[in-house]
């Protein structure tokens, strides 16, 4: 039958990432206005600091009142699924 289409593999990858995100308290991930928005139950200071260091010129966040979110602007030519993977990895590496 051959290899599955790349689009299917990307959907599976995104689904697995969303499962990991849920474990980390990320309740929703959406893409709008050229950015990925990660809605978080309660971000911790280590996660925000690490994200600020990595995406210092591309990040915005609301950590004062619910819904808490982190938004990272997508660079031209960057795949949103790759950015999603990177951001979730940062959340995971600095989870408490």
N, C-alpha and C. Protein backbone atom coordinates (compact mmCIF):
# COMPACT_ATOMS: atom_id res chain seq x y z
N UNK A 1 0.81 -1.20 0.00
CA UNK A 1 0.00 0.00 0.00
C UNK A 1 0.85 1.26 0.00
N UNK A 2 2.06 1.17 0.46
CA UNK A 2 2.94 2.34 0.45
C UNK A 2 2.84 3.16 1.72
N UNK A 3 3.61 4.22 1.74
CA UNK A 3 3.64 5.12 2.89
C UNK A 3 2.38 5.98 2.92
N UNK A 4 1.92 6.32 4.13
CA UNK A 4 0.77 7.22 4.22
C UNK A 4 1.15 8.61 3.72
N UNK A 5 0.17 9.38 3.26
CA UNK A 5 0.46 10.74 2.79
C UNK A 5 1.02 11.61 3.92
N UNK A 6 1.88 12.54 3.55
CA UNK A 6 2.49 13.44 4.53
C UNK A 6 1.43 14.21 5.32
N UNK A 7 0.35 14.60 4.66
CA UNK A 7 -0.70 15.34 5.36
C UNK A 7 -1.32 14.49 6.48
N UNK A 8 -1.47 13.20 6.26
CA UNK A 8 -1.99 12.31 7.29
C UNK A 8 -1.00 12.19 8.44
N UNK A 9 0.27 12.05 8.12
CA UNK A 9 1.30 11.97 9.16
C UNK A 9 1.33 13.24 9.99
N UNK A 10 1.15 14.40 9.35
CA UNK A 10 1.10 15.67 10.08
C UNK A 10 -0.10 15.73 11.02
N UNK A 11 -1.24 15.22 10.58
CA UNK A 11 -2.43 15.19 11.44
C UNK A 11 -2.21 14.29 12.65
N UNK A 12 -1.60 13.15 12.43
CA UNK A 12 -1.31 12.23 13.54
C UNK A 12 -0.33 12.88 14.51
N UNK A 13 0.70 13.52 13.97
CA UNK A 13 1.69 14.20 14.79
C UNK A 13 1.03 15.30 15.62
N UNK A 14 0.17 16.09 15.00
CA UNK A 14 -0.52 17.16 15.71
C UNK A 14 -1.40 16.59 16.82
N UNK A 15 -2.05 15.47 16.56
CA UNK A 15 -2.89 14.83 17.57
C UNK A 15 -2.06 14.37 18.76
N UNK A 16 -0.92 13.76 18.50
CA UNK A 16 -0.03 13.32 19.58
C UNK A 16 0.48 14.52 20.38
N UNK A 17 0.79 15.60 19.69
CA UNK A 17 1.25 16.81 20.37
C UNK A 17 0.15 17.37 21.27
N UNK A 18 -1.07 17.36 20.78
CA UNK A 18 -2.20 17.86 21.59
C UNK A 18 -2.40 17.00 22.84
N UNK A 19 -2.18 15.71 22.74
CA UNK A 19 -2.27 14.85 23.92
C UNK A 19 -1.20 15.22 24.94
N UNK A 20 0.02 15.43 24.48
CA UNK A 20 1.10 15.85 25.37
C UNK A 20 0.76 17.21 25.98
N UNK A 21 0.24 18.10 25.16
CA UNK A 21 -0.14 19.43 25.64
C UNK A 21 -1.19 19.32 26.75
N UNK A 22 -2.17 18.46 26.57
CA UNK A 22 -3.21 18.28 27.59
C UNK A 22 -2.62 17.83 28.91
N UNK A 23 -1.65 16.95 28.85
CA UNK A 23 -0.98 16.48 30.07
C UNK A 23 -0.26 17.63 30.78
N UNK A 24 0.16 18.62 30.01
CA UNK A 24 0.89 19.77 30.56
C UNK A 24 -0.03 20.91 30.98
N UNK A 25 -1.34 20.72 30.87
CA UNK A 25 -2.27 21.76 31.28
C UNK A 25 -2.62 22.74 30.18
N UNK A 26 -2.24 22.42 28.95
CA UNK A 26 -2.61 23.26 27.81
C UNK A 26 -3.96 22.76 27.32
N UNK A 27 -4.99 23.58 27.48
CA UNK A 27 -6.35 23.14 27.18
C UNK A 27 -6.74 23.36 25.73
N UNK A 28 -6.06 24.28 25.07
CA UNK A 28 -6.42 24.59 23.68
C UNK A 28 -5.21 25.15 22.96
N UNK A 29 -5.09 24.81 21.70
CA UNK A 29 -4.08 25.40 20.83
C UNK A 29 -4.82 25.86 19.58
N UNK A 30 -4.63 27.12 19.24
CA UNK A 30 -5.29 27.62 18.03
C UNK A 30 -4.32 28.50 17.26
N UNK A 31 -4.62 28.65 16.00
CA UNK A 31 -3.80 29.51 15.14
C UNK A 31 -4.68 30.64 14.63
N UNK A 32 -4.24 31.86 14.90
CA UNK A 32 -4.96 33.03 14.39
C UNK A 32 -4.02 34.21 14.31
N UNK A 33 -4.31 35.07 13.36
CA UNK A 33 -3.52 36.29 13.16
C UNK A 33 -2.01 36.02 13.09
N UNK A 34 -1.63 34.92 12.45
CA UNK A 34 -0.22 34.62 12.24
C UNK A 34 0.53 34.15 13.46
N UNK A 35 -0.21 33.64 14.46
CA UNK A 35 0.44 33.16 15.68
C UNK A 35 -0.26 31.90 16.17
N UNK A 36 0.47 31.12 16.95
CA UNK A 36 -0.12 29.99 17.66
C UNK A 36 -0.42 30.44 19.08
N UNK A 37 -1.64 30.17 19.53
CA UNK A 37 -2.07 30.51 20.88
C UNK A 37 -2.19 29.22 21.69
N UNK A 38 -1.53 29.20 22.83
CA UNK A 38 -1.56 28.06 23.74
C UNK A 38 -2.29 28.52 25.01
N UNK A 39 -3.49 27.98 25.23
CA UNK A 39 -4.27 28.34 26.42
C UNK A 39 -3.90 27.36 27.52
N UNK A 40 -3.43 27.92 28.63
CA UNK A 40 -2.82 27.13 29.69
C UNK A 40 -3.63 27.27 30.97
N UNK A 41 -3.80 26.14 31.68
CA UNK A 41 -4.51 26.16 32.95
C UNK A 41 -3.86 27.17 33.89
N UNK A 42 -2.56 27.05 34.08
CA UNK A 42 -1.80 28.00 34.90
C UNK A 42 -0.33 27.89 34.52
N UNK A 43 0.19 28.83 33.73
CA UNK A 43 1.60 28.75 33.38
C UNK A 43 2.47 29.00 34.60
N UNK A 44 3.62 28.34 34.65
CA UNK A 44 4.53 28.61 35.76
C UNK A 44 5.64 29.55 35.29
N UNK A 45 6.30 30.15 36.25
CA UNK A 45 7.31 31.17 35.94
C UNK A 45 8.47 30.59 35.12
N UNK A 46 8.87 29.36 35.40
CA UNK A 46 9.98 28.75 34.66
C UNK A 46 9.61 28.56 33.19
N UNK A 47 8.39 28.14 32.94
CA UNK A 47 7.94 27.96 31.56
C UNK A 47 7.93 29.29 30.82
N UNK A 48 7.36 30.31 31.45
CA UNK A 48 7.30 31.62 30.80
C UNK A 48 8.69 32.19 30.55
N UNK A 49 9.58 32.03 31.51
CA UNK A 49 10.94 32.53 31.35
C UNK A 49 11.65 31.82 30.20
N UNK A 50 11.51 30.50 30.12
CA UNK A 50 12.16 29.74 29.05
C UNK A 50 11.58 30.12 27.69
N UNK A 51 10.27 30.31 27.62
CA UNK A 51 9.64 30.71 26.37
C UNK A 51 10.08 32.12 25.95
N UNK A 52 10.20 33.02 26.92
CA UNK A 52 10.66 34.38 26.63
C UNK A 52 12.09 34.36 26.08
N UNK A 53 12.94 33.51 26.65
CA UNK A 53 14.32 33.43 26.17
C UNK A 53 14.38 32.88 24.75
N UNK A 54 13.58 31.89 24.46
CA UNK A 54 13.63 31.25 23.14
C UNK A 54 12.94 32.08 22.06
N UNK A 55 11.83 32.73 22.41
CA UNK A 55 11.02 33.46 21.42
C UNK A 55 10.89 34.94 21.79
N UNK A 56 11.94 35.53 22.31
CA UNK A 56 11.89 36.87 22.90
C UNK A 56 11.25 37.93 22.01
N UNK A 57 11.41 37.84 20.71
CA UNK A 57 10.86 38.87 19.83
C UNK A 57 9.57 38.43 19.15
N UNK A 58 9.04 37.27 19.54
CA UNK A 58 7.86 36.72 18.87
C UNK A 58 6.76 36.30 19.83
N UNK A 59 6.86 36.65 21.09
CA UNK A 59 5.96 36.08 22.09
C UNK A 59 5.12 37.16 22.78
N UNK A 60 3.90 36.77 23.11
CA UNK A 60 3.03 37.59 23.95
C UNK A 60 2.33 36.62 24.89
N UNK A 61 1.99 37.09 26.07
CA UNK A 61 1.28 36.19 26.98
C UNK A 61 0.42 36.97 27.95
N UNK A 62 -0.57 36.28 28.47
CA UNK A 62 -1.43 36.80 29.52
C UNK A 62 -1.33 35.83 30.68
N UNK A 63 -0.70 36.26 31.76
CA UNK A 63 -0.57 35.40 32.94
C UNK A 63 -1.22 36.04 34.16
N UNK A 64 -2.06 37.03 33.93
CA UNK A 64 -2.68 37.75 35.04
C UNK A 64 -4.08 37.25 35.38
N UNK A 65 -4.83 36.86 34.37
CA UNK A 65 -6.19 36.38 34.61
C UNK A 65 -6.57 35.36 33.54
N UNK A 66 -7.47 34.47 33.92
CA UNK A 66 -7.91 33.44 32.99
C UNK A 66 -8.75 34.07 31.89
N UNK A 67 -8.71 33.59 30.67
CA UNK A 67 -7.89 32.45 30.27
C UNK A 67 -6.44 32.86 30.05
N UNK A 68 -5.54 32.10 30.63
CA UNK A 68 -4.12 32.35 30.46
C UNK A 68 -3.71 31.85 29.08
N UNK A 69 -2.86 32.59 28.42
CA UNK A 69 -2.39 32.11 27.12
C UNK A 69 -0.97 32.58 26.85
N UNK A 70 -0.34 31.84 25.97
CA UNK A 70 0.96 32.19 25.42
C UNK A 70 0.75 32.20 23.91
N UNK A 71 1.15 33.27 23.25
CA UNK A 71 1.05 33.36 21.79
C UNK A 71 2.45 33.53 21.22
N UNK A 72 2.77 32.72 20.22
CA UNK A 72 4.07 32.81 19.56
C UNK A 72 3.82 33.05 18.07
N UNK A 73 4.37 34.13 17.57
CA UNK A 73 4.20 34.48 16.16
C UNK A 73 4.93 33.48 15.27
N UNK A 74 4.28 33.07 14.21
CA UNK A 74 4.85 32.12 13.25
C UNK A 74 5.70 32.91 12.24
N UNK A 75 6.94 32.47 12.06
CA UNK A 75 7.81 33.11 11.08
C UNK A 75 7.39 32.71 9.67
N UNK A 76 7.69 33.57 8.73
CA UNK A 76 7.40 33.27 7.33
C UNK A 76 8.13 31.99 6.93
N UNK A 77 7.39 31.06 6.35
CA UNK A 77 7.96 29.79 5.91
C UNK A 77 8.04 28.73 7.00
N UNK A 78 7.74 29.08 8.23
CA UNK A 78 7.80 28.13 9.35
C UNK A 78 6.52 27.30 9.38
N UNK A 79 6.66 26.02 9.60
CA UNK A 79 5.50 25.15 9.71
C UNK A 79 4.91 25.27 11.11
N UNK A 80 3.61 25.48 11.19
CA UNK A 80 2.98 25.66 12.49
C UNK A 80 3.12 24.41 13.35
N UNK A 81 3.10 23.23 12.75
CA UNK A 81 3.24 22.00 13.54
C UNK A 81 4.65 21.92 14.15
N UNK A 82 5.65 22.42 13.46
CA UNK A 82 7.01 22.42 14.02
C UNK A 82 7.11 23.40 15.19
N UNK A 83 6.51 24.57 15.03
CA UNK A 83 6.51 25.55 16.12
C UNK A 83 5.74 24.99 17.31
N UNK A 84 4.61 24.34 17.05
CA UNK A 84 3.82 23.73 18.12
C UNK A 84 4.68 22.71 18.88
N UNK A 85 5.41 21.89 18.15
CA UNK A 85 6.28 20.88 18.77
C UNK A 85 7.33 21.55 19.66
N UNK A 86 7.96 22.61 19.16
CA UNK A 86 9.00 23.30 19.93
C UNK A 86 8.44 23.91 21.21
N UNK A 87 7.32 24.60 21.09
CA UNK A 87 6.73 25.28 22.26
C UNK A 87 6.30 24.25 23.30
N UNK A 88 5.67 23.18 22.88
CA UNK A 88 5.25 22.14 23.82
C UNK A 88 6.47 21.51 24.49
N UNK A 89 7.54 21.34 23.75
CA UNK A 89 8.77 20.80 24.34
C UNK A 89 9.31 21.72 25.43
N UNK A 90 9.22 23.03 25.22
CA UNK A 90 9.67 23.98 26.25
C UNK A 90 8.76 23.88 27.48
N UNK A 91 7.44 23.85 27.26
CA UNK A 91 6.52 23.67 28.39
C UNK A 91 6.87 22.40 29.16
N UNK A 92 7.12 21.32 28.44
CA UNK A 92 7.40 20.02 29.06
C UNK A 92 8.71 20.05 29.84
N UNK A 93 9.73 20.65 29.26
CA UNK A 93 11.05 20.68 29.91
C UNK A 93 11.04 21.49 31.20
N UNK A 94 10.09 22.41 31.33
CA UNK A 94 10.05 23.28 32.51
C UNK A 94 8.78 23.10 33.33
N UNK A 95 8.13 21.95 33.17
CA UNK A 95 6.93 21.66 33.96
C UNK A 95 7.33 21.40 35.41
N UNK A 96 6.44 21.73 36.30
CA UNK A 96 6.71 21.49 37.74
C UNK A 96 6.01 20.25 38.21
